[in-house]
Amino acid sequence: MSGLERHHYAWLSIAAALATIALKTLAWSITGSVGLLSDALESLVNLAGAGFALWMILITRDPPDGKHPYGHGKAEYFSSGLEGLLIFGASGAILWTAAERLAAPRQIDAVGWGLLWSAAATAINFAVARVLGQAGERFRSIALRADSRHLMTDVWTSCGVIAGVALVAWTGWLRVDPLIAMAVGLHIAREGWMLLKESVDGLMDRSLDAPSVARACAVLDGFLSRGVAYRALRTRRAGRSSFLQVVVLVPGDWSVMEGHALLDEIESALEKAIPGLEVSTHLEPLP
C-alpha cells in the first residue's frame, strides 16, 4: 500500500465501518443482546468519524493561500475533535439503553451465530486499525491516528462484549449483558476524552514533542563554537506540518552575507534533523 495517499486510507476506514455496521447489526438483530447493540452503535460513530476525517484530509491538501498562508493542516484536528464528541454521544446512548435493559433483563437468542458475526466484524476492525495506524505515523496524520485508535478501542470493547454474551449464554445471568454494555460505554467515553484533548492541544499550537525539540537544540548548539548564539526558540505543529522559529545572534562586525550564509546552514541542518520541518530564522547582532 506504499503508493496510497492519506485520503485512500480514509476511504478504507469508511468501507470497514460499513462492513462492521452490517455484521454487528445482524449479530444484534438475531440475539437481542444490548451488549452487541452497543457495539453496533459504536460502529456508527466509526462511520461518521471516518467520513468527516476524509473531508478534513481533502481540505488539508489545498495549498497555502492569501487567507491561510500556513496552509490548511489544522483541519485534521477538527476531525479528531468531532470523533471525540461523537464517541461521547454514543457512550450516552449505550449507557441509557443498558440501564433500561438492566431494569428489565431479556433472554439472548441464537448466541452462536451472533458471536460469529461479531467476531468477523472485530477481525475487520483489527486489520484496518493496524493499517491506519501505520499510515498515520508515515503521513504524520492525526486524523488517521485518531481513526486507528478508535478502531482499536472498538476491537477491545468488542472482545469484551463477545466474552460477556458468551458468559450470559453459559451461566444464564441475564444482567451480565447490560453490565458489559455499561462498561463499554464508560470505556469509549474515556477514548472520546483523549481524542478531544489531543485536538485541543493541536489547535492551541502545542510545541513539537520533546525528542524533536532536543534534536533542534543539539543542532543549534553545534554552531555555538563559531562565536554565535541563539534565543527565542519556538516550535509548533499544525497537522502534518512542523514549524520552528529561532533568533540567531552573530558578532556585530559580520557582514550581511556572512550572517545569511550561516542562517542557510542552520536551516538546512535543522530540516535534515527533523524531516518536514519549516524553519524561520531571524538575524540579530550579539550584545
Protein backbone atom coordinates (compact mmCIF):
# COMPACT_ATOMS: atom_id res chain seq x y z
CA MET A 1 0.00 0.00 0.00
CA SER A 2 3.03 2.30 -0.26
CA GLY A 3 1.55 4.13 -3.27
CA LEU A 4 -1.66 5.13 -1.45
CA GLU A 5 -2.31 8.66 -0.23
CA ARG A 6 -3.97 9.73 3.03
CA HIS A 7 -7.47 10.04 1.58
CA HIS A 8 -7.29 6.47 0.27
CA TYR A 9 -6.87 5.23 3.85
CA ALA A 10 -9.88 7.30 4.91
CA TRP A 11 -11.93 5.53 2.23
CA LEU A 12 -10.67 2.20 3.61
CA SER A 13 -11.91 3.24 7.06
CA ILE A 14 -15.34 4.12 5.63
CA ALA A 15 -15.58 0.75 3.88
CA ALA A 16 -14.62 -1.06 7.09
CA ALA A 17 -17.21 0.90 9.08
CA LEU A 18 -19.97 -0.02 6.63
CA ALA A 19 -18.98 -3.70 6.74
CA THR A 20 -18.82 -3.83 10.55
CA ILE A 21 -22.12 -1.96 10.94
CA ALA A 22 -23.81 -4.60 8.77
CA LEU A 23 -22.22 -7.51 10.65
CA LYS A 24 -22.80 -6.12 14.15
CA THR A 25 -26.38 -5.09 13.39
CA LEU A 26 -27.01 -8.61 12.14
CA ALA A 27 -25.47 -10.01 15.34
CA TRP A 28 -27.69 -7.77 17.49
CA SER A 29 -30.87 -8.48 15.48
CA ILE A 30 -30.62 -12.24 15.83
CA THR A 31 -29.61 -12.23 19.52
CA GLY A 32 -31.34 -9.19 21.04
CA SER A 33 -28.20 -8.55 23.12
CA VAL A 34 -27.87 -4.96 24.31
CA GLY A 35 -24.12 -5.55 24.56
CA LEU A 36 -23.99 -6.30 20.83
CA LEU A 37 -26.26 -3.30 20.20
CA SER A 38 -23.75 -1.06 22.00
CA ASP A 39 -21.04 -2.46 19.76
CA ALA A 40 -23.10 -1.68 16.64
CA LEU A 41 -23.74 1.89 17.84
CA GLU A 42 -20.02 2.47 18.21
CA SER A 43 -19.52 1.36 14.60
CA LEU A 44 -21.98 4.07 13.53
CA VAL A 45 -19.66 6.54 15.25
CA ASN A 46 -16.76 4.98 13.33
CA LEU A 47 -18.58 5.68 10.06
CA ALA A 48 -19.36 9.30 10.93
CA GLY A 49 -15.81 9.88 12.13
CA ALA A 50 -14.26 8.28 9.05
CA GLY A 51 -16.45 10.36 6.72
CA PHE A 52 -15.52 13.61 8.46
CA ALA A 53 -11.85 12.58 8.54
CA LEU A 54 -11.94 12.11 4.76
CA TRP A 55 -13.40 15.60 4.34
CA MET A 56 -10.75 17.19 6.57
CA ILE A 57 -7.91 15.29 4.88
CA LEU A 58 -9.08 16.55 1.49
CA ILE A 59 -9.10 20.10 2.88
CA THR A 60 -5.51 19.78 4.11
CA ARG A 61 -4.40 19.03 0.55
CA ASP A 62 -5.29 22.58 -0.52
CA PRO A 63 -2.15 24.71 -0.94
CA PRO A 64 -1.49 27.82 1.19
CA ASP A 65 -3.42 30.90 0.05
CA GLY A 66 -3.79 34.56 0.95
CA LYS A 67 -6.11 33.84 3.88
CA HIS A 68 -4.24 30.72 5.04
CA PRO A 69 -0.52 31.38 4.41
CA TYR A 70 0.50 28.44 6.63
CA GLY A 71 -1.74 26.01 4.76
CA HIS A 72 -4.76 24.04 5.99
CA GLY A 73 -3.04 21.39 8.11
CA LYS A 74 -5.03 22.13 11.26
CA ALA A 75 -8.23 20.89 9.63
CA GLU A 76 -7.35 17.37 10.80
CA TYR A 77 -7.72 18.47 14.42
CA PHE A 78 -11.41 19.19 13.77
CA SER A 79 -11.74 15.59 12.62
CA SER A 80 -10.33 14.10 15.83
CA GLY A 81 -12.35 16.59 17.90
CA LEU A 82 -15.63 15.67 16.21
CA GLU A 83 -14.86 11.98 16.57
CA GLY A 84 -14.34 12.56 20.29
CA LEU A 85 -17.74 14.29 20.57
CA LEU A 86 -19.42 11.52 18.59
CA ILE A 87 -17.90 8.95 20.92
CA PHE A 88 -19.36 10.81 23.90
CA GLY A 89 -22.77 10.76 22.22
CA ALA A 90 -22.54 7.03 21.54
CA SER A 91 -21.43 6.45 25.12
CA GLY A 92 -24.51 8.22 26.45
CA ALA A 93 -26.84 6.21 24.19
CA ILE A 94 -25.18 2.95 25.23
CA LEU A 95 -25.45 3.74 28.95
CA TRP A 96 -29.12 4.74 28.63
CA THR A 97 -30.03 1.57 26.71
CA ALA A 98 -28.03 -0.61 29.10
CA ALA A 99 -29.73 0.94 32.15
CA GLU A 100 -33.16 0.13 30.69
CA ARG A 101 -32.11 -3.47 29.97
CA LEU A 102 -30.61 -3.79 33.47
CA ALA A 103 -34.01 -2.91 34.92
CA ALA A 104 -35.77 -5.39 32.61
CA PRO A 105 -33.37 -8.23 31.63
CA ARG A 106 -34.09 -10.16 28.44
CA GLN A 107 -33.11 -13.58 27.20
CA ILE A 108 -30.42 -13.68 24.47
CA ASP A 109 -31.17 -15.79 21.39
CA ALA A 110 -29.02 -17.51 18.73
CA VAL A 111 -25.82 -16.75 20.63
CA GLY A 112 -23.55 -18.82 18.39
CA TRP A 113 -24.42 -17.04 15.16
CA GLY A 114 -24.44 -13.64 16.85
CA LEU A 115 -20.95 -14.11 18.24
CA LEU A 116 -19.72 -15.40 14.88
CA TRP A 117 -20.82 -12.24 13.02
CA SER A 118 -19.49 -10.02 15.79
CA ALA A 119 -16.12 -11.80 15.71
CA ALA A 120 -15.91 -11.29 11.93
CA ALA A 121 -16.55 -7.56 12.37
CA THR A 122 -13.90 -7.41 15.10
CA ALA A 123 -11.33 -9.06 12.82
CA ILE A 124 -12.02 -6.45 10.12
CA ASN A 125 -11.61 -3.60 12.61
CA PHE A 126 -8.34 -5.04 13.93
CA ALA A 127 -6.81 -5.34 10.45
CA VAL A 128 -7.91 -1.85 9.38
CA ALA A 129 -6.77 -0.28 12.68
CA ARG A 130 -3.27 -1.64 12.14
CA VAL A 131 -3.15 -0.33 8.58
CA LEU A 132 -4.46 3.11 9.59
CA GLY A 133 -2.01 3.33 12.50
CA GLN A 134 0.95 2.67 10.24
CA ALA A 135 -0.36 5.17 7.66
CA GLY A 136 -0.94 7.77 10.38
CA GLU A 137 2.67 7.51 11.51
CA ARG A 138 4.01 7.62 7.96
CA PHE A 139 1.94 10.64 6.95
CA ARG A 140 2.03 12.25 10.41
CA SER A 141 -1.77 12.47 10.19
CA ILE A 142 -3.71 12.99 13.42
CA ALA A 143 -6.96 12.13 11.60
CA LEU A 144 -5.69 8.68 10.59
CA ARG A 145 -4.12 8.09 14.02
CA ALA A 146 -7.38 9.04 15.73
CA ASP A 147 -9.31 6.68 13.46
CA SER A 148 -6.83 3.90 14.20
CA ARG A 149 -7.06 4.42 17.97
CA HIS A 150 -10.84 4.48 17.84
CA LEU A 151 -10.99 1.27 15.82
CA MET A 152 -8.56 -0.44 18.18
CA THR A 153 -10.72 0.64 21.11
CA ASP A 154 -13.66 -0.88 19.23
CA VAL A 155 -11.70 -4.13 18.91
CA TRP A 156 -11.10 -4.43 22.64
CA THR A 157 -14.64 -3.46 23.57
CA SER A 158 -15.97 -5.98 21.03
CA CYS A 159 -13.85 -8.68 22.64
CA GLY A 160 -15.35 -7.75 26.00
CA VAL A 161 -18.88 -7.82 24.60
CA ILE A 162 -18.30 -11.21 22.96
CA ALA A 163 -16.95 -12.61 26.23
CA GLY A 164 -19.91 -11.14 28.15
CA VAL A 165 -22.54 -12.53 25.80
CA ALA A 166 -20.85 -15.93 25.90
CA LEU A 167 -20.88 -15.75 29.72
CA VAL A 168 -24.62 -15.00 29.70
CA ALA A 169 -25.28 -17.99 27.46
CA TRP A 170 -23.16 -20.22 29.68
CA THR A 171 -24.41 -19.09 33.10
CA GLY A 172 -27.88 -17.66 32.38
CA TRP A 173 -27.04 -14.44 34.28
CA LEU A 174 -29.03 -12.05 32.10
CA ARG A 175 -27.87 -8.89 33.88
CA VAL A 176 -24.28 -9.54 32.77
CA ASP A 177 -25.26 -8.37 29.26
CA PRO A 178 -26.30 -4.78 30.22
CA LEU A 179 -23.44 -4.54 32.71
CA ILE A 180 -20.99 -5.34 29.91
CA ALA A 181 -22.70 -2.69 27.76
CA MET A 182 -22.25 -0.12 30.55
CA ALA A 183 -18.57 -0.98 30.80
CA VAL A 184 -18.27 -0.48 27.02
CA GLY A 185 -19.99 2.92 27.31
CA LEU A 186 -17.65 4.12 30.04
CA HIS A 187 -14.60 2.80 28.22
CA ILE A 188 -15.32 4.56 24.94
CA ALA A 189 -16.16 7.78 26.83
CA ARG A 190 -12.55 7.78 28.04
CA GLU A 191 -11.32 7.38 24.46
CA GLY A 192 -13.52 10.29 23.41
CA TRP A 193 -11.96 12.46 26.10
CA MET A 194 -8.44 11.59 24.92
CA LEU A 195 -9.28 12.47 21.31
CA LEU A 196 -10.81 15.80 22.36
CA LYS A 197 -7.76 16.63 24.44
CA GLU A 198 -5.40 15.88 21.56
CA SER A 199 -7.40 18.00 19.11
CA VAL A 200 -7.49 20.97 21.51
CA ASP A 201 -3.73 20.67 22.06
CA GLY A 202 -3.21 20.86 18.30
CA LEU A 203 -5.49 23.85 17.81
CA MET A 204 -3.68 25.63 20.67
CA ASP A 205 -0.35 25.35 18.79
CA ARG A 206 1.27 22.78 21.04
CA SER A 207 5.04 22.55 20.68
CA LEU A 208 6.81 19.66 18.99
CA ASP A 209 7.48 16.57 21.08
CA ALA A 210 10.43 16.62 23.47
CA PRO A 211 12.75 14.43 21.31
CA SER A 212 12.25 16.74 18.31
CA VAL A 213 12.96 19.86 20.38
CA ALA A 214 16.06 18.16 21.81
CA ARG A 215 17.31 17.40 18.27
CA ALA A 216 16.76 21.02 17.28
CA CYS A 217 18.70 22.27 20.31
CA ALA A 218 21.53 19.82 19.55
CA VAL A 219 21.78 21.20 16.01
CA LEU A 220 21.82 24.81 17.20
CA ASP A 221 24.36 24.04 19.95
CA GLY A 222 26.67 22.68 17.26
CA PHE A 223 27.08 26.21 15.87
CA LEU A 224 27.98 27.87 19.20
CA SER A 225 31.70 27.15 18.72
CA ARG A 226 31.68 29.61 15.83
CA GLY A 227 31.09 32.52 18.19
CA VAL A 228 27.33 32.79 17.66
CA ALA A 229 24.33 32.28 19.93
CA TYR A 230 20.60 31.77 19.68
CA ARG A 231 17.47 32.61 21.67
CA ALA A 232 13.65 32.65 21.46
CA LEU A 233 13.40 29.09 20.14
CA ARG A 234 9.75 28.27 19.49
CA THR A 235 8.13 25.27 17.82
CA ARG A 236 4.60 24.23 16.90
CA ARG A 237 2.78 21.56 14.98
CA ALA A 238 -0.19 22.04 12.65
CA GLY A 239 -1.45 18.69 11.39
CA ARG A 240 1.29 17.19 9.23
CA SER A 241 3.38 20.39 9.27
CA SER A 242 6.01 21.29 11.87
CA PHE A 243 7.30 24.81 12.38
CA LEU A 244 10.35 26.23 14.18
CA GLN A 245 11.31 29.85 14.80
CA VAL A 246 14.61 31.00 16.30
CA VAL A 247 16.64 34.19 16.65
CA VAL A 248 20.33 33.73 15.76
CA LEU A 249 22.85 36.22 17.19
CA VAL A 250 26.16 36.86 15.41
CA PRO A 251 29.12 39.22 16.06
CA GLY A 252 28.32 42.81 15.11
CA ASP A 253 31.24 43.06 12.67
CA TRP A 254 29.88 40.27 10.46
CA SER A 255 28.66 41.25 7.00
CA VAL A 256 25.05 40.64 5.95
CA MET A 257 26.31 38.00 3.52
CA GLU A 258 28.17 36.12 6.29
CA GLY A 259 25.13 36.20 8.56
CA HIS A 260 22.72 34.90 5.95
CA ALA A 261 25.15 32.20 4.85
CA LEU A 262 25.13 30.99 8.47
CA LEU A 263 21.33 31.06 8.58
CA ASP A 264 21.20 28.94 5.43
CA GLU A 265 23.48 26.38 7.10
CA ILE A 266 21.39 26.33 10.27
CA GLU A 267 18.10 25.98 8.42
CA SER A 268 19.46 23.15 6.27
CA ALA A 269 20.81 21.31 9.33
CA LEU A 270 17.52 21.67 11.22
CA GLU A 271 15.44 20.46 8.27
CA LYS A 272 17.72 17.46 7.91
CA ALA A 273 17.45 16.61 11.62
CA ILE A 274 13.64 16.91 11.66
CA PRO A 275 12.10 15.85 8.32
CA GLY A 276 9.23 18.04 7.15
CA LEU A 277 10.22 20.95 9.40
CA GLU A 278 9.64 24.51 8.18
CA VAL A 279 12.26 26.81 9.70
CA SER A 280 12.08 30.58 10.19
CA THR A 281 15.23 32.34 11.40
CA HIS A 282 15.91 35.97 12.36
CA LEU A 283 19.36 37.52 12.48
CA GLU A 284 20.47 39.92 15.25
CA PRO A 285 23.86 41.21 16.49
CA LEU A 286 25.34 39.93 19.71
CA PRO A 287 25.02 42.47 22.55
